[in-house]
Each structure stands twice: as C-alpha cells, then as structure tokens.
Amino acid sequence: MEVKHKDIGQKGSFYIELKGDKVAEMTYSLAKPNTIIIDHTEVSESLKGQGVGYKLVEEAVKYMRLKKLKVIPLCPFANAVFKKKRNDYADVLK
C-alpha cells in the first residue's frame, strides 16, 4: 500500500487509495510557518488493526523531517502514536 500526500497550501493529507477509493487518510493544517497540526485520522473498517494508521504517521514524520517541520498531534490516534514512539519522533514534536 502506497501512502500518497496531497498539499493544498494551508492544509493537506496523507492517504491510501485502493482501486480508486480512499481507504485511509490523515489530515493536517498549517498552524505556523514551520508547524503542522494533525487533526484527524481515519481508516476503513476493512483495514483496521493492520497498522495502516501507523503507516500514515510514519510517512508524515518522514515528510516533516524532510521539510524541517514540527507537529502538534491533536488527533487522538496520532497523539497516541507520538506518545508511544516519543523517543523516535522527539525531533518533530512541538
């Protein structure tokens, strides 16, 4: 499953499509020039429990490192992942 990224200025998303349907998505908005807020993560029922949400977070972290961004994970799922992997993701946490 390939994670795609859509950046539309002040907002964006990381998502996965299967057969043309969006089956997982994590959305964010730009809070400051170098800070994004992850506000929502959703995974279709058929993919829950398969690590798809984690994959979205991992791709977002790669993007943040590349762009030298910080994150505020307001989404409960993303927040839980960042807490669980706090040592691995400390460099991008605001």
N, C-alpha and C. Protein backbone atom coordinates (compact mmCIF):
# COMPACT_ATOMS: atom_id res chain seq x y z
N MET A 1 0.83 -1.19 0.00
CA MET A 1 0.00 0.00 0.00
C MET A 1 0.87 1.25 0.00
N GLU A 2 0.63 2.08 -0.96
CA GLU A 2 1.41 3.31 -1.10
C GLU A 2 0.68 4.47 -0.42
N VAL A 3 1.42 5.20 0.40
CA VAL A 3 0.87 6.40 1.03
C VAL A 3 1.14 7.57 0.10
N LYS A 4 0.08 8.29 -0.22
CA LYS A 4 0.19 9.47 -1.07
C LYS A 4 0.05 10.72 -0.20
N HIS A 5 0.54 11.83 -0.73
CA HIS A 5 0.50 13.09 0.01
C HIS A 5 -0.14 14.15 -0.87
N LYS A 6 -1.07 14.89 -0.30
CA LYS A 6 -1.71 16.00 -1.01
C LYS A 6 -1.53 17.25 -0.16
N ASP A 7 -0.86 18.25 -0.71
CA ASP A 7 -0.61 19.51 -0.01
C ASP A 7 -1.35 20.61 -0.76
N ILE A 8 -2.31 21.25 -0.08
CA ILE A 8 -3.07 22.32 -0.73
C ILE A 8 -2.92 23.63 0.05
N GLY A 9 -1.68 24.01 0.25
CA GLY A 9 -1.40 25.29 0.91
C GLY A 9 -1.45 25.20 2.42
N GLN A 10 -2.53 25.64 3.01
CA GLN A 10 -2.68 25.66 4.46
C GLN A 10 -3.14 24.32 5.03
N LYS A 11 -3.50 23.38 4.17
CA LYS A 11 -3.99 22.07 4.61
C LYS A 11 -3.37 20.99 3.75
N GLY A 12 -3.52 19.77 4.22
CA GLY A 12 -3.02 18.65 3.44
C GLY A 12 -3.45 17.33 4.03
N SER A 13 -3.06 16.25 3.38
CA SER A 13 -3.39 14.93 3.89
C SER A 13 -2.40 13.89 3.38
N PHE A 14 -2.30 12.83 4.15
CA PHE A 14 -1.59 11.63 3.75
C PHE A 14 -2.68 10.58 3.63
N TYR A 15 -2.70 9.83 2.53
CA TYR A 15 -3.81 8.92 2.31
C TYR A 15 -3.38 7.70 1.50
N ILE A 16 -4.25 6.70 1.55
CA ILE A 16 -4.04 5.47 0.79
C ILE A 16 -5.30 5.21 -0.03
N GLU A 17 -5.11 4.90 -1.29
CA GLU A 17 -6.22 4.54 -2.18
C GLU A 17 -6.06 3.09 -2.62
N LEU A 18 -7.17 2.40 -2.68
CA LEU A 18 -7.21 1.05 -3.24
C LEU A 18 -8.31 1.03 -4.30
N LYS A 19 -7.97 0.66 -5.49
CA LYS A 19 -8.93 0.60 -6.60
C LYS A 19 -9.68 1.92 -6.76
N GLY A 20 -8.97 3.04 -6.58
CA GLY A 20 -9.57 4.35 -6.77
C GLY A 20 -10.35 4.90 -5.60
N ASP A 21 -10.49 4.12 -4.53
CA ASP A 21 -11.21 4.57 -3.34
C ASP A 21 -10.23 4.92 -2.23
N LYS A 22 -10.47 6.03 -1.56
CA LYS A 22 -9.64 6.42 -0.43
C LYS A 22 -10.04 5.55 0.76
N VAL A 23 -9.09 4.74 1.27
CA VAL A 23 -9.40 3.80 2.34
C VAL A 23 -8.76 4.19 3.68
N ALA A 24 -7.87 5.18 3.64
CA ALA A 24 -7.24 5.67 4.87
C ALA A 24 -6.77 7.10 4.61
N GLU A 25 -6.92 7.95 5.65
CA GLU A 25 -6.50 9.34 5.49
C GLU A 25 -6.16 9.96 6.83
N MET A 26 -5.12 10.76 6.83
CA MET A 26 -4.74 11.56 7.98
C MET A 26 -4.62 13.00 7.48
N THR A 27 -5.38 13.91 8.08
CA THR A 27 -5.39 15.30 7.62
C THR A 27 -4.63 16.20 8.58
N TYR A 28 -4.13 17.30 8.01
CA TYR A 28 -3.39 18.26 8.82
C TYR A 28 -3.64 19.68 8.31
N SER A 29 -3.31 20.64 9.15
CA SER A 29 -3.36 22.04 8.74
C SER A 29 -2.09 22.73 9.22
N LEU A 30 -1.74 23.79 8.54
CA LEU A 30 -0.55 24.56 8.88
C LEU A 30 -0.92 25.53 9.99
N ALA A 31 -0.24 25.43 11.14
CA ALA A 31 -0.52 26.30 12.28
C ALA A 31 0.36 27.53 12.25
N LYS A 32 1.59 27.35 11.91
CA LYS A 32 2.60 28.40 11.80
C LYS A 32 3.46 28.04 10.60
N PRO A 33 4.35 28.91 10.18
CA PRO A 33 5.16 28.55 9.01
C PRO A 33 5.89 27.21 9.11
N ASN A 34 6.28 26.79 10.29
CA ASN A 34 7.03 25.54 10.43
C ASN A 34 6.36 24.52 11.33
N THR A 35 5.06 24.66 11.55
CA THR A 35 4.34 23.74 12.44
C THR A 35 3.03 23.30 11.80
N ILE A 36 2.79 21.98 11.81
CA ILE A 36 1.51 21.47 11.34
C ILE A 36 0.75 20.84 12.51
N ILE A 37 -0.57 20.82 12.37
CA ILE A 37 -1.45 20.18 13.34
C ILE A 37 -2.11 19.00 12.65
N ILE A 38 -1.88 17.80 13.17
CA ILE A 38 -2.59 16.62 12.67
C ILE A 38 -3.93 16.61 13.40
N ASP A 39 -5.02 16.72 12.62
CA ASP A 39 -6.33 16.87 13.26
C ASP A 39 -7.26 15.68 13.11
N HIS A 40 -6.94 14.75 12.21
CA HIS A 40 -7.87 13.63 12.02
C HIS A 40 -7.16 12.47 11.33
N THR A 41 -7.48 11.27 11.77
CA THR A 41 -7.01 10.05 11.11
C THR A 41 -8.19 9.11 10.99
N GLU A 42 -8.37 8.55 9.80
CA GLU A 42 -9.47 7.62 9.59
C GLU A 42 -9.00 6.47 8.71
N VAL A 43 -9.36 5.26 9.10
CA VAL A 43 -9.00 4.05 8.35
C VAL A 43 -10.28 3.25 8.16
N SER A 44 -10.51 2.75 6.95
CA SER A 44 -11.72 1.98 6.69
C SER A 44 -11.75 0.73 7.57
N GLU A 45 -12.96 0.30 7.87
CA GLU A 45 -13.16 -0.87 8.75
C GLU A 45 -12.38 -2.09 8.26
N SER A 46 -12.33 -2.28 6.96
CA SER A 46 -11.68 -3.48 6.42
C SER A 46 -10.17 -3.50 6.65
N LEU A 47 -9.58 -2.34 6.97
CA LEU A 47 -8.13 -2.27 7.17
C LEU A 47 -7.73 -2.02 8.62
N LYS A 48 -8.69 -1.86 9.49
CA LYS A 48 -8.36 -1.58 10.90
C LYS A 48 -7.60 -2.75 11.50
N GLY A 49 -6.64 -2.42 12.36
CA GLY A 49 -5.84 -3.43 13.03
C GLY A 49 -4.68 -3.96 12.19
N GLN A 50 -4.43 -3.36 11.04
CA GLN A 50 -3.36 -3.83 10.15
C GLN A 50 -2.18 -2.87 10.09
N GLY A 51 -2.15 -1.88 10.98
CA GLY A 51 -1.03 -0.95 11.02
C GLY A 51 -1.08 0.17 9.99
N VAL A 52 -2.22 0.34 9.36
CA VAL A 52 -2.35 1.35 8.31
C VAL A 52 -2.24 2.76 8.90
N GLY A 53 -2.87 2.99 10.04
CA GLY A 53 -2.78 4.30 10.70
C GLY A 53 -1.34 4.64 11.06
N TYR A 54 -0.61 3.65 11.55
CA TYR A 54 0.81 3.85 11.88
C TYR A 54 1.60 4.22 10.63
N LYS A 55 1.27 3.58 9.52
CA LYS A 55 1.97 3.86 8.26
C LYS A 55 1.75 5.31 7.84
N LEU A 56 0.54 5.82 8.03
CA LEU A 56 0.26 7.23 7.71
C LEU A 56 1.11 8.15 8.57
N VAL A 57 1.19 7.84 9.86
CA VAL A 57 2.00 8.66 10.77
C VAL A 57 3.47 8.61 10.36
N GLU A 58 3.97 7.42 10.05
CA GLU A 58 5.38 7.29 9.65
C GLU A 58 5.70 8.12 8.40
N GLU A 59 4.81 8.11 7.43
CA GLU A 59 5.03 8.90 6.22
C GLU A 59 4.99 10.39 6.52
N ALA A 60 4.09 10.78 7.42
CA ALA A 60 4.02 12.19 7.83
C ALA A 60 5.31 12.62 8.51
N VAL A 61 5.86 11.76 9.36
CA VAL A 61 7.11 12.07 10.05
C VAL A 61 8.25 12.22 9.04
N LYS A 62 8.32 11.34 8.06
CA LYS A 62 9.35 11.46 7.01
C LYS A 62 9.24 12.82 6.31
N TYR A 63 8.01 13.21 5.99
CA TYR A 63 7.77 14.49 5.33
C TYR A 63 8.20 15.66 6.23
N MET A 64 7.83 15.59 7.51
CA MET A 64 8.18 16.66 8.45
C MET A 64 9.70 16.79 8.59
N ARG A 65 10.39 15.68 8.64
CA ARG A 65 11.85 15.73 8.73
C ARG A 65 12.45 16.34 7.47
N LEU A 66 11.94 15.96 6.33
CA LEU A 66 12.43 16.48 5.06
C LEU A 66 12.22 18.00 4.97
N LYS A 67 11.05 18.47 5.42
CA LYS A 67 10.70 19.89 5.33
C LYS A 67 11.06 20.68 6.58
N LYS A 68 11.66 19.98 7.57
CA LYS A 68 12.05 20.61 8.84
C LYS A 68 10.85 21.25 9.54
N LEU A 69 9.78 20.47 9.67
CA LEU A 69 8.55 20.91 10.32
C LEU A 69 8.42 20.28 11.70
N LYS A 70 7.62 20.92 12.53
CA LYS A 70 7.24 20.38 13.84
C LYS A 70 5.77 20.03 13.77
N VAL A 71 5.31 19.19 14.70
CA VAL A 71 3.93 18.74 14.68
C VAL A 71 3.28 18.90 16.05
N ILE A 72 2.00 19.22 16.01
CA ILE A 72 1.13 19.18 17.19
C ILE A 72 0.07 18.13 16.84
N PRO A 73 0.12 16.93 17.44
CA PRO A 73 -0.83 15.88 17.10
C PRO A 73 -2.12 15.98 17.93
N LEU A 74 -3.11 16.73 17.43
CA LEU A 74 -4.38 16.87 18.15
C LEU A 74 -5.29 15.67 17.95
N CYS A 75 -5.15 14.99 16.85
CA CYS A 75 -5.94 13.78 16.60
C CYS A 75 -5.60 12.75 17.67
N PRO A 76 -6.62 12.17 18.33
CA PRO A 76 -6.35 11.20 19.40
C PRO A 76 -5.48 10.02 18.96
N PHE A 77 -5.71 9.50 17.77
CA PHE A 77 -4.90 8.38 17.30
C PHE A 77 -3.45 8.81 17.10
N ALA A 78 -3.25 9.89 16.36
CA ALA A 78 -1.89 10.37 16.10
C ALA A 78 -1.18 10.72 17.40
N ASN A 79 -1.90 11.34 18.32
CA ASN A 79 -1.32 11.70 19.62
C ASN A 79 -0.84 10.44 20.35
N ALA A 80 -1.64 9.39 20.33
CA ALA A 80 -1.26 8.13 20.98
C ALA A 80 0.00 7.54 20.34
N VAL A 81 0.09 7.60 19.02
CA VAL A 81 1.27 7.08 18.32
C VAL A 81 2.50 7.89 18.69
N PHE A 82 2.38 9.22 18.71
CA PHE A 82 3.52 10.06 19.05
C PHE A 82 3.96 9.84 20.50
N LYS A 83 3.01 9.59 21.40
CA LYS A 83 3.38 9.30 22.80
C LYS A 83 4.10 7.95 22.89
N LYS A 84 3.58 6.96 22.17
CA LYS A 84 4.16 5.62 22.20
C LYS A 84 5.57 5.61 21.61
N LYS A 85 5.79 6.40 20.57
CA LYS A 85 7.09 6.44 19.89
C LYS A 85 7.82 7.74 20.17
N ARG A 86 7.61 8.27 21.34
CA ARG A 86 8.15 9.59 21.72
C ARG A 86 9.65 9.69 21.47
N ASN A 87 10.41 8.66 21.78
CA ASN A 87 11.87 8.72 21.56
C ASN A 87 12.22 8.77 20.07
N ASP A 88 11.48 8.03 19.26
CA ASP A 88 11.75 8.00 17.81
C ASP A 88 11.32 9.29 17.11
N TYR A 89 10.27 9.92 17.62
CA TYR A 89 9.70 11.09 16.95
C TYR A 89 9.94 12.40 17.68
N ALA A 90 10.79 12.41 18.69
CA ALA A 90 11.02 13.61 19.51
C ALA A 90 11.47 14.81 18.68
N ASP A 91 12.21 14.55 17.62
CA ASP A 91 12.74 15.65 16.81
C ASP A 91 11.67 16.44 16.05
N VAL A 92 10.49 15.85 15.86
CA VAL A 92 9.43 16.58 15.14
C VAL A 92 8.31 17.08 16.05
N LEU A 93 8.30 16.64 17.30
CA LEU A 93 7.24 17.07 18.22
C LEU A 93 7.44 18.51 18.66
N LYS A 94 6.37 19.25 18.69
CA LYS A 94 6.40 20.65 19.13
C LYS A 94 6.21 20.69 20.63
